[in-house]
Amino acid sequence: MTYSKNHPSLLSGISVLAALAVLALVFFQTTAAEAAAENVYDTEAMLIELKPLTLEECARCHTTHFNWLRINGAKHQGVSCTDCHEIFHAYNPVRNNYAEIMPKCSTCHEAPHGTAESVIKCLTCHANPHQPLASIPDPANLEPNCRLCHTEVAASLKAEVSLHTEQECSSCHSEKHGRIPVCNECHENHSPLAVLDTPDCLACHPVHTPLMITYPGDQDNRVCAGCHTDAYDLLQARVTKHTALSCAKCHPQHGHLPACMDCHGKPHNPAIHEKFPQCGDCHGIAHDVIASP
């Protein structure tokens, strides 16, 4: 069947389609205009007071950083994220503004280790500010800088020269920053009584000034015997009143050699003391006292 362009049915169908198209266009234009006019940020739910992000909110996205702080944050555990990061979510790779928006250590820390060029670049040692102590690298890589921060230790090593003065800091404080070695990593035990670990050794030998030997007044003589074997053996071989004394009684300071008269005064006739000015002429030595001839 052939339709002419003037056929009534054809013209009617075209008219209907045209009308529907016009209606659809008007509908979508009206809807778009209404959507553009609506302020989606002005709803009742959005009229609340906006507050800074909380730690929990930051942690939802920055979980790794949150856990660094939670576990190894040191004093930074007392600081909230937004105390440091006043500008955030503003990085633009086109502008390459990472350094610009990151917080600066100097905002809170005013040259805590001095102003030397080698210590003002904080991230050289504190590689991760979210775990500032745990992230310090192997001390062997920081060797030139140790004394710039640990000034008191450096001064002690220099003032009281010993074999420890000649060692690199990292030879003892190896593997990680803050590691405290035990003495028997380098030294052998020299006392039958003292266990060679740090507490017992430090009772006599301060670690950075090991020759400045100190000890309590009631130190067990067997500890002293670890180094002073001959003196101890003589005291035990010939039992006298000196045997019962602690070494520290006569030697309150290491290396101090008392005179007999410090304790005994002059117990004999003056003529005897004049003839024998040295007590040892008759009595031998203090560790092996012999009876008068």
C-alpha atoms as a PDB file:
ATOM      1  CA  MET A   1       0.000   0.000   0.000  1.00  0.00           C
ATOM      2  CA  THR A   2       1.434   3.413  -0.958  1.00  0.00           C
ATOM      3  CA  TYR A   3       0.945   6.602   1.101  1.00  0.00           C
ATOM      4  CA  SER A   4       1.139  10.006  -0.443  1.00  0.00           C
ATOM      5  CA  LYS A   5       2.711  12.851   1.507  1.00  0.00           C
ATOM      6  CA  ASN A   6      -0.718  14.371   1.846  1.00  0.00           C
ATOM      7  CA  HIS A   7      -2.213  11.278   3.415  1.00  0.00           C
ATOM      8  CA  PRO A   8      -4.158  12.272   6.582  1.00  0.00           C
ATOM      9  CA  SER A   9      -2.832   9.426   8.784  1.00  0.00           C
ATOM     10  CA  LEU A  10       0.786  10.263   8.070  1.00  0.00           C
ATOM     11  CA  LEU A  11       0.338  13.902   8.838  1.00  0.00           C
ATOM     12  CA  SER A  12      -1.421  13.083  12.094  1.00  0.00           C
ATOM     13  CA  GLY A  13       1.414  10.833  13.260  1.00  0.00           C
ATOM     14  CA  ILE A  14       4.037  13.422  12.516  1.00  0.00           C
ATOM     15  CA  SER A  15       2.122  16.023  14.460  1.00  0.00           C
ATOM     16  CA  VAL A  16       1.900  13.781  17.525  1.00  0.00           C
ATOM     17  CA  LEU A  17       5.639  13.046  17.502  1.00  0.00           C
ATOM     18  CA  ALA A  18       6.473  16.705  17.160  1.00  0.00           C
ATOM     19  CA  ALA A  19       4.259  17.576  20.082  1.00  0.00           C
ATOM     20  CA  LEU A  20       5.844  14.922  22.270  1.00  0.00           C
ATOM     21  CA  ALA A  21       9.333  16.151  21.392  1.00  0.00           C
ATOM     22  CA  VAL A  22       8.432  19.691  22.358  1.00  0.00           C
ATOM     23  CA  LEU A  23       6.947  18.531  25.643  1.00  0.00           C
ATOM     24  CA  ALA A  24      10.056  16.442  26.461  1.00  0.00           C
ATOM     25  CA  LEU A  25      12.356  19.362  25.704  1.00  0.00           C
ATOM     26  CA  VAL A  26      10.368  21.688  27.940  1.00  0.00           C
ATOM     27  CA  PHE A  27      10.312  19.063  30.720  1.00  0.00           C
ATOM     28  CA  PHE A  28      14.073  18.464  30.734  1.00  0.00           C
ATOM     29  CA  GLN A  29      14.869  22.161  30.500  1.00  0.00           C
ATOM     30  CA  THR A  30      12.583  22.874  33.425  1.00  0.00           C
ATOM     31  CA  THR A  31      14.073  20.022  35.480  1.00  0.00           C
ATOM     32  CA  ALA A  32      17.643  21.150  34.741  1.00  0.00           C
ATOM     33  CA  ALA A  33      16.818  24.707  35.673  1.00  0.00           C
ATOM     34  CA  GLU A  34      15.256  23.587  38.942  1.00  0.00           C
ATOM     35  CA  ALA A  35      18.283  21.398  39.742  1.00  0.00           C
ATOM     36  CA  ALA A  36      20.653  24.265  39.008  1.00  0.00           C
ATOM     37  CA  ALA A  37      18.681  26.550  41.245  1.00  0.00           C
ATOM     38  CA  GLU A  38      18.627  24.132  44.200  1.00  0.00           C
ATOM     39  CA  ASN A  39      21.461  24.620  46.776  1.00  0.00           C
ATOM     40  CA  VAL A  40      22.329  21.119  47.904  1.00  0.00           C
ATOM     41  CA  TYR A  41      24.587  22.556  50.652  1.00  0.00           C
ATOM     42  CA  ASP A  42      21.724  24.450  52.246  1.00  0.00           C
ATOM     43  CA  THR A  43      19.730  21.523  53.519  1.00  0.00           C
ATOM     44  CA  GLU A  44      18.900  21.223  57.182  1.00  0.00           C
ATOM     45  CA  ALA A  45      21.549  18.531  57.641  1.00  0.00           C
ATOM     46  CA  MET A  46      24.264  20.841  56.335  1.00  0.00           C
ATOM     47  CA  LEU A  47      23.391  23.779  58.577  1.00  0.00           C
ATOM     48  CA  ILE A  48      25.344  22.231  61.462  1.00  0.00           C
ATOM     49  CA  GLU A  49      28.523  23.864  62.787  1.00  0.00           C
ATOM     50  CA  LEU A  50      31.518  22.443  60.918  1.00  0.00           C
ATOM     51  CA  LYS A  51      34.392  21.469  63.218  1.00  0.00           C
ATOM     52  CA  PRO A  52      38.033  20.535  62.486  1.00  0.00           C
ATOM     53  CA  LEU A  53      38.687  16.938  61.568  1.00  0.00           C
ATOM     54  CA  THR A  54      39.094  14.589  64.508  1.00  0.00           C
ATOM     55  CA  LEU A  55      41.837  11.984  64.867  1.00  0.00           C
ATOM     56  CA  GLU A  56      39.335   9.258  64.064  1.00  0.00           C
ATOM     57  CA  GLU A  57      38.293  10.997  60.860  1.00  0.00           C
ATOM     58  CA  CYS A  58      41.903  11.431  59.735  1.00  0.00           C
ATOM     59  CA  ALA A  59      42.660   7.802  60.578  1.00  0.00           C
ATOM     60  CA  ARG A  60      39.943   6.480  58.263  1.00  0.00           C
ATOM     61  CA  CYS A  61      42.039   7.443  55.249  1.00  0.00           C
ATOM     62  CA  HIS A  62      45.536   7.792  56.720  1.00  0.00           C
ATOM     63  CA  THR A  63      45.574   4.499  58.588  1.00  0.00           C
ATOM     64  CA  THR A  64      49.294   3.858  58.192  1.00  0.00           C
ATOM     65  CA  HIS A  65      50.239   7.273  59.555  1.00  0.00           C
ATOM     66  CA  PHE A  66      47.785   6.876  62.428  1.00  0.00           C
ATOM     67  CA  ASN A  67      49.340   3.546  63.435  1.00  0.00           C
ATOM     68  CA  TRP A  68      52.867   4.960  63.223  1.00  0.00           C
ATOM     69  CA  LEU A  69      51.844   7.632  65.709  1.00  0.00           C
ATOM     70  CA  ARG A  70      49.835   5.277  67.900  1.00  0.00           C
ATOM     71  CA  ILE A  71      52.707   2.796  68.283  1.00  0.00           C
ATOM     72  CA  ASN A  72      55.919   4.840  67.914  1.00  0.00           C
ATOM     73  CA  GLY A  73      54.823   8.474  68.002  1.00  0.00           C
ATOM     74  CA  ALA A  74      56.922   9.380  71.077  1.00  0.00           C
ATOM     75  CA  LYS A  75      56.097  12.962  72.150  1.00  0.00           C
ATOM     76  CA  HIS A  76      54.192  13.491  68.901  1.00  0.00           C
ATOM     77  CA  GLN A  77      51.493  11.260  70.396  1.00  0.00           C
ATOM     78  CA  GLY A  78      50.398  14.340  72.323  1.00  0.00           C
ATOM     79  CA  VAL A  79      49.756  16.316  69.141  1.00  0.00           C
ATOM     80  CA  SER A  80      46.647  15.969  66.966  1.00  0.00           C
ATOM     81  CA  CYS A  81      46.906  15.737  63.193  1.00  0.00           C
ATOM     82  CA  THR A  82      45.501  19.202  62.545  1.00  0.00           C
ATOM     83  CA  ASP A  83      47.885  20.808  65.034  1.00  0.00           C
ATOM     84  CA  CYS A  84      50.629  20.172  62.482  1.00  0.00           C
ATOM     85  CA  HIS A  85      48.673  19.861  59.251  1.00  0.00           C
ATOM     86  CA  GLU A  86      46.871  23.206  59.171  1.00  0.00           C
ATOM     87  CA  ILE A  87      46.653  22.908  55.375  1.00  0.00           C
ATOM     88  CA  PHE A  88      45.525  19.532  54.083  1.00  0.00           C
ATOM     89  CA  HIS A  89      43.958  17.973  50.993  1.00  0.00           C
ATOM     90  CA  ALA A  90      45.553  20.797  49.014  1.00  0.00           C
ATOM     91  CA  TYR A  91      48.291  18.982  47.130  1.00  0.00           C
ATOM     92  CA  ASN A  92      48.297  19.748  43.415  1.00  0.00           C
ATOM     93  CA  PRO A  93      50.696  17.720  41.246  1.00  0.00           C
ATOM     94  CA  VAL A  94      50.616  20.426  38.587  1.00  0.00           C
ATOM     95  CA  ARG A  95      51.777  23.051  41.088  1.00  0.00           C
ATOM     96  CA  ASN A  96      54.083  20.545  42.840  1.00  0.00           C
ATOM     97  CA  ASN A  97      53.302  22.245  46.139  1.00  0.00           C
ATOM     98  CA  TYR A  98      54.022  19.343  48.498  1.00  0.00           C
ATOM     99  CA  ALA A  99      56.847  21.127  50.337  1.00  0.00           C
ATOM    100  CA  GLU A 100      54.739  24.252  50.603  1.00  0.00           C
ATOM    101  CA  ILE A 101      51.796  22.631  52.375  1.00  0.00           C
ATOM    102  CA  MET A 102      53.739  20.243  54.631  1.00  0.00           C
ATOM    103  CA  PRO A 103      54.303  21.478  58.222  1.00  0.00           C
ATOM    104  CA  LYS A 104      57.769  22.650  59.204  1.00  0.00           C
ATOM    105  CA  CYS A 105      59.563  21.167  62.233  1.00  0.00           C
ATOM    106  CA  SER A 106      60.699  24.648  63.263  1.00  0.00           C
ATOM    107  CA  THR A 107      57.094  25.627  63.937  1.00  0.00           C
ATOM    108  CA  CYS A 108      57.367  23.767  67.258  1.00  0.00           C
ATOM    109  CA  HIS A 109      61.053  22.857  67.592  1.00  0.00           C
ATOM    110  CA  GLU A 110      63.543  25.703  67.806  1.00  0.00           C
ATOM    111  CA  ALA A 111      66.908  24.140  66.899  1.00  0.00           C
ATOM    112  CA  PRO A 112      66.882  21.536  69.729  1.00  0.00           C
ATOM    113  CA  HIS A 113      70.272  20.177  68.627  1.00  0.00           C
ATOM    114  CA  GLY A 114      71.919  23.480  67.780  1.00  0.00           C
ATOM    115  CA  THR A 115      72.298  25.373  64.546  1.00  0.00           C
ATOM    116  CA  ALA A 116      75.114  23.431  62.904  1.00  0.00           C
ATOM    117  CA  GLU A 117      74.409  22.734  59.255  1.00  0.00           C
ATOM    118  CA  SER A 118      74.576  18.992  59.832  1.00  0.00           C
ATOM    119  CA  VAL A 119      71.768  18.938  62.431  1.00  0.00           C
ATOM    120  CA  ILE A 120      69.246  21.482  61.163  1.00  0.00           C
ATOM    121  CA  LYS A 121      67.961  19.111  58.487  1.00  0.00           C
ATOM    122  CA  CYS A 122      65.672  17.205  60.827  1.00  0.00           C
ATOM    123  CA  LEU A 123      64.660  14.452  58.433  1.00  0.00           C
ATOM    124  CA  THR A 124      68.263  13.335  58.051  1.00  0.00           C
ATOM    125  CA  CYS A 125      67.943  11.629  61.438  1.00  0.00           C
ATOM    126  CA  HIS A 126      64.206  11.719  62.167  1.00  0.00           C
ATOM    127  CA  ALA A 127      63.256  10.252  58.799  1.00  0.00           C
ATOM    128  CA  ASN A 128      59.573   9.868  59.631  1.00  0.00           C
ATOM    129  CA  PRO A 129      57.982  12.595  61.789  1.00  0.00           C
ATOM    130  CA  HIS A 130      55.097  10.256  62.604  1.00  0.00           C
ATOM    131  CA  GLN A 131      57.554   7.962  64.416  1.00  0.00           C
ATOM    132  CA  PRO A 132      60.432  10.378  65.073  1.00  0.00           C
ATOM    133  CA  LEU A 133      62.620   8.115  67.209  1.00  0.00           C
ATOM    134  CA  ALA A 134      61.889   4.719  65.712  1.00  0.00           C
ATOM    135  CA  SER A 135      62.712   6.038  62.240  1.00  0.00           C
ATOM    136  CA  ILE A 136      66.262   7.122  63.079  1.00  0.00           C
ATOM    137  CA  PRO A 137      68.498   5.099  60.729  1.00  0.00           C
ATOM    138  CA  ASP A 138      71.399   2.804  61.558  1.00  0.00           C
ATOM    139  CA  PRO A 139      73.778   4.791  63.811  1.00  0.00           C
ATOM    140  CA  ALA A 140      76.690   3.834  61.577  1.00  0.00           C
ATOM    141  CA  ASN A 141      75.205   6.183  58.983  1.00  0.00           C
ATOM    142  CA  LEU A 142      74.974   9.029  61.512  1.00  0.00           C
ATOM    143  CA  GLU A 143      78.414   8.720  63.084  1.00  0.00           C
ATOM    144  CA  PRO A 144      79.685  12.277  62.404  1.00  0.00           C
ATOM    145  CA  ASN A 145      76.588  13.755  64.030  1.00  0.00           C
ATOM    146  CA  CYS A 146      76.321  11.756  67.269  1.00  0.00           C
ATOM    147  CA  ARG A 147      78.390  14.174  69.340  1.00  0.00           C
ATOM    148  CA  LEU A 148      76.415  17.177  68.106  1.00  0.00           C
ATOM    149  CA  CYS A 149      73.292  15.939  69.895  1.00  0.00           C
ATOM    150  CA  HIS A 150      74.826  13.890  72.702  1.00  0.00           C
ATOM    151  CA  THR A 151      77.050  16.711  73.948  1.00  0.00           C
ATOM    152  CA  GLU A 152      77.365  15.563  77.575  1.00  0.00           C
ATOM    153  CA  VAL A 153      78.484  12.093  76.530  1.00  0.00           C
ATOM    154  CA  ALA A 154      80.988  13.558  74.086  1.00  0.00           C
ATOM    155  CA  ALA A 155      82.398  15.845  76.779  1.00  0.00           C
ATOM    156  CA  SER A 156      82.763  12.936  79.233  1.00  0.00           C
ATOM    157  CA  LEU A 157      84.585  10.754  76.731  1.00  0.00           C
ATOM    158  CA  LYS A 158      86.970  13.589  75.916  1.00  0.00           C
ATOM    159  CA  ALA A 159      87.585  14.665  79.528  1.00  0.00           C
ATOM    160  CA  GLU A 160      88.262  11.162  80.881  1.00  0.00           C
ATOM    161  CA  VAL A 161      90.262   9.433  78.173  1.00  0.00           C
ATOM    162  CA  SER A 162      89.982   5.651  78.046  1.00  0.00           C
ATOM    163  CA  LEU A 163      89.788   2.949  75.426  1.00  0.00           C
ATOM    164  CA  HIS A 164      86.109   3.860  75.086  1.00  0.00           C
ATOM    165  CA  THR A 165      87.161   7.291  73.837  1.00  0.00           C
ATOM    166  CA  GLU A 166      88.788   5.669  70.825  1.00  0.00           C
ATOM    167  CA  GLN A 167      85.638   3.788  69.779  1.00  0.00           C
ATOM    168  CA  GLU A 168      83.057   4.927  67.283  1.00  0.00           C
ATOM    169  CA  CYS A 169      79.677   5.512  68.918  1.00  0.00           C
ATOM    170  CA  SER A 170      78.108   2.959  66.588  1.00  0.00           C
ATOM    171  CA  SER A 171      80.564   0.265  67.634  1.00  0.00           C
ATOM    172  CA  CYS A 172      78.571  -0.020  70.877  1.00  0.00           C
ATOM    173  CA  HIS A 173      75.253   1.595  69.927  1.00  0.00           C
ATOM    174  CA  SER A 174      74.824  -0.485  66.795  1.00  0.00           C
ATOM    175  CA  GLU A 175      71.864  -1.741  64.799  1.00  0.00           C
ATOM    176  CA  LYS A 176      69.444   0.996  65.830  1.00  0.00           C
ATOM    177  CA  HIS A 177      69.479   4.336  67.599  1.00  0.00           C
ATOM    178  CA  GLY A 178      69.064   4.049  71.350  1.00  0.00           C
ATOM    179  CA  ARG A 179      70.258   0.467  71.653  1.00  0.00           C
ATOM    180  CA  ILE A 180      72.129  -0.036  74.930  1.00  0.00           C
ATOM    181  CA  PRO A 181      74.666  -2.864  74.643  1.00  0.00           C
ATOM    182  CA  VAL A 182      75.667  -5.192  77.439  1.00  0.00           C
ATOM    183  CA  CYS A 183      79.294  -5.052  78.510  1.00  0.00           C
ATOM    184  CA  ASN A 184      80.099  -8.655  77.707  1.00  0.00           C
ATOM    185  CA  GLU A 185      79.713  -7.931  74.010  1.00  0.00           C
ATOM    186  CA  CYS A 186      83.290  -6.634  74.247  1.00  0.00           C
ATOM    187  CA  HIS A 187      84.575  -7.437  77.753  1.00  0.00           C
ATOM    188  CA  GLU A 188      85.225 -10.631  79.672  1.00  0.00           C
ATOM    189  CA  ASN A 189      84.251 -11.009  83.302  1.00  0.00           C
ATOM    190  CA  HIS A 190      87.022 -10.079  85.748  1.00  0.00           C
ATOM    191  CA  SER A 191      85.180 -10.822  88.974  1.00  0.00           C
ATOM    192  CA  PRO A 192      83.970 -14.178  90.285  1.00  0.00           C
ATOM    193  CA  LEU A 193      81.037 -12.455  91.959  1.00  0.00           C
ATOM    194  CA  ALA A 194      79.781  -9.848  89.513  1.00  0.00           C
ATOM    195  CA  VAL A 195      77.673 -11.048  86.623  1.00  0.00           C
ATOM    196  CA  LEU A 196      78.972  -9.366  83.516  1.00  0.00           C
ATOM    197  CA  ASP A 197      75.980  -7.397  82.444  1.00  0.00           C
ATOM    198  CA  THR A 198      75.343  -3.691  82.398  1.00  0.00           C
ATOM    199  CA  PRO A 199      73.962  -3.123  85.947  1.00  0.00           C
ATOM    200  CA  ASP A 200      76.780  -4.962  87.708  1.00  0.00           C
ATOM    201  CA  CYS A 201      79.498  -3.379  85.593  1.00  0.00           C
ATOM    202  CA  LEU A 202      78.107   0.124  85.978  1.00  0.00           C
ATOM    203  CA  ALA A 203      78.232  -0.275  89.747  1.00  0.00           C
ATOM    204  CA  CYS A 204      81.949   0.444  89.407  1.00  0.00           C
ATOM    205  CA  HIS A 205      82.530   1.611  85.841  1.00  0.00           C
ATOM    206  CA  PRO A 206      80.486   4.513  84.399  1.00  0.00           C
ATOM    207  CA  VAL A 207      80.224   3.453  80.787  1.00  0.00           C
ATOM    208  CA  HIS A 208      81.516   6.635  79.142  1.00  0.00           C
ATOM    209  CA  THR A 209      84.172   7.233  81.826  1.00  0.00           C
ATOM    210  CA  PRO A 210      85.091   3.643  82.770  1.00  0.00           C
ATOM    211  CA  LEU A 211      88.315   4.587  84.566  1.00  0.00           C
ATOM    212  CA  MET A 212      86.460   6.834  87.025  1.00  0.00           C
ATOM    213  CA  ILE A 213      85.782   3.779  89.176  1.00  0.00           C
ATOM    214  CA  THR A 214      83.332   4.225  92.017  1.00  0.00           C
ATOM    215  CA  TYR A 215      81.766   1.776  94.451  1.00  0.00           C
ATOM    216  CA  PRO A 216      79.700   1.696  97.637  1.00  0.00           C
ATOM    217  CA  GLY A 217      81.353   1.467 101.030  1.00  0.00           C
ATOM    218  CA  ASP A 218      80.056  -2.060 101.555  1.00  0.00           C
ATOM    219  CA  GLN A 219      81.202  -3.428  98.203  1.00  0.00           C
ATOM    220  CA  ASP A 220      81.881  -7.149  98.439  1.00  0.00           C
ATOM    221  CA  ASN A 221      85.640  -7.781  98.455  1.00  0.00           C
ATOM    222  CA  ARG A 222      85.226 -10.527  95.886  1.00  0.00           C
ATOM    223  CA  VAL A 223      84.208  -7.925  93.318  1.00  0.00           C
ATOM    224  CA  CYS A 224      87.467  -6.082  93.956  1.00  0.00           C
ATOM    225  CA  ALA A 225      89.280  -9.400  93.752  1.00  0.00           C
ATOM    226  CA  GLY A 226      88.312  -9.641  90.105  1.00  0.00           C
ATOM    227  CA  CYS A 227      91.124  -7.193  89.334  1.00  0.00           C
ATOM    228  CA  HIS A 228      93.126  -7.151  92.583  1.00  0.00           C
ATOM    229  CA  THR A 229      93.662 -10.892  92.875  1.00  0.00           C
ATOM    230  CA  ASP A 230      97.071 -10.764  94.599  1.00  0.00           C
ATOM    231  CA  ALA A 231      95.911  -8.449  97.373  1.00  0.00           C
ATOM    232  CA  TYR A 232      92.774 -10.516  97.977  1.00  0.00           C
ATOM    233  CA  ASP A 233      94.699 -13.796  98.100  1.00  0.00           C
ATOM    234  CA  LEU A 234      97.186 -12.388 100.634  1.00  0.00           C
ATOM    235  CA  LEU A 235      94.377 -11.222 102.896  1.00  0.00           C
ATOM    236  CA  GLN A 236      92.785 -14.665 102.791  1.00  0.00           C
ATOM    237  CA  ALA A 237      96.044 -16.539 103.299  1.00  0.00           C
ATOM    238  CA  ARG A 238      96.998 -14.730 106.502  1.00  0.00           C
ATOM    239  CA  VAL A 239      93.878 -13.918 108.499  1.00  0.00           C
ATOM    240  CA  THR A 240      94.218 -10.706 110.511  1.00  0.00           C
ATOM    241  CA  LYS A 241      91.901  -7.908 111.525  1.00  0.00           C
ATOM    242  CA  HIS A 242      92.443  -6.494 108.030  1.00  0.00           C
ATOM    243  CA  THR A 243      90.861  -9.582 106.480  1.00  0.00           C
ATOM    244  CA  ALA A 244      87.475  -8.726 107.940  1.00  0.00           C
ATOM    245  CA  LEU A 245      87.507  -5.168 106.577  1.00  0.00           C
ATOM    246  CA  SER A 246      85.953  -4.241 103.280  1.00  0.00           C
ATOM    247  CA  CYS A 247      88.393  -3.013 100.667  1.00  0.00           C
ATOM    248  CA  ALA A 248      86.443   0.248 100.525  1.00  0.00           C
ATOM    249  CA  LYS A 249      87.158   0.853 104.212  1.00  0.00           C
ATOM    250  CA  CYS A 250      90.809   1.584 103.466  1.00  0.00           C
ATOM    251  CA  HIS A 251      90.323   2.542  99.805  1.00  0.00           C
ATOM    252  CA  PRO A 252      87.221   4.780  99.781  1.00  0.00           C
ATOM    253  CA  GLN A 253      88.287   6.011  96.366  1.00  0.00           C
ATOM    254  CA  HIS A 254      89.739   3.777  93.715  1.00  0.00           C
ATOM    255  CA  GLY A 255      93.530   4.078  93.679  1.00  0.00           C
ATOM    256  CA  HIS A 256      93.696   5.797  97.062  1.00  0.00           C
ATOM    257  CA  LEU A 257      96.550   4.414  99.220  1.00  0.00           C
ATOM    258  CA  PRO A 258      96.068   5.330 102.879  1.00  0.00           C
ATOM    259  CA  ALA A 259      98.832   5.717 105.412  1.00  0.00           C
ATOM    260  CA  CYS A 260      98.749   3.283 108.320  1.00  0.00           C
ATOM    261  CA  MET A 261      98.467   6.165 110.747  1.00  0.00           C
ATOM    262  CA  ASP A 262      95.195   7.256 109.114  1.00  0.00           C
ATOM    263  CA  CYS A 263      93.558   4.457 111.099  1.00  0.00           C
ATOM    264  CA  HIS A 264      96.104   3.416 113.692  1.00  0.00           C
ATOM    265  CA  GLY A 265      97.645   6.724 114.661  1.00  0.00           C
ATOM    266  CA  LYS A 266     100.961   6.173 116.463  1.00  0.00           C
ATOM    267  CA  PRO A 267     100.300   3.205 118.751  1.00  0.00           C
ATOM    268  CA  HIS A 268     103.926   2.713 119.881  1.00  0.00           C
ATOM    269  CA  ASN A 269     106.449   4.531 121.998  1.00  0.00           C
ATOM    270  CA  PRO A 270     107.652   7.657 120.155  1.00  0.00           C
ATOM    271  CA  ALA A 271     111.168   6.325 120.144  1.00  0.00           C
ATOM    272  CA  ILE A 272     110.044   3.293 118.149  1.00  0.00           C
ATOM    273  CA  HIS A 273     108.322   5.457 115.572  1.00  0.00           C
ATOM    274  CA  GLU A 274     111.395   7.607 115.308  1.00  0.00           C
ATOM    275  CA  LYS A 275     113.611   4.579 114.749  1.00  0.00           C
ATOM    276  CA  PHE A 276     111.157   2.855 112.374  1.00  0.00           C
ATOM    277  CA  PRO A 277     109.275   5.599 110.531  1.00  0.00           C
ATOM    278  CA  GLN A 278     107.852   3.082 108.032  1.00  0.00           C
ATOM    279  CA  CYS A 279     105.310   0.724 109.632  1.00  0.00           C
ATOM    280  CA  GLY A 280     106.094  -1.885 107.017  1.00  0.00           C
ATOM    281  CA  ASP A 281     109.624  -2.211 108.324  1.00  0.00           C
ATOM    282  CA  CYS A 282     108.147  -4.314 111.094  1.00  0.00           C
ATOM    283  CA  HIS A 283     104.625  -5.239 109.981  1.00  0.00           C
ATOM    284  CA  GLY A 284     105.054  -5.996 106.296  1.00  0.00           C
ATOM    285  CA  ILE A 285     102.273  -4.727 104.010  1.00  0.00           C
ATOM    286  CA  ALA A 286      98.650  -4.041 104.832  1.00  0.00           C
ATOM    287  CA  HIS A 287      97.409  -7.064 102.867  1.00  0.00           C
ATOM    288  CA  ASP A 288      99.894  -9.379 104.590  1.00  0.00           C
ATOM    289  CA  VAL A 289     100.414  -8.043 108.083  1.00  0.00           C
ATOM    290  CA  ILE A 290     103.052  -9.911 110.081  1.00  0.00           C
ATOM    291  CA  ALA A 291     103.651  -9.883 113.792  1.00  0.00           C
ATOM    292  CA  SER A 292     106.319  -7.565 115.188  1.00  0.00           C
ATOM    293  CA  PRO A 293     109.792  -9.160 115.375  1.00  0.00           C
END
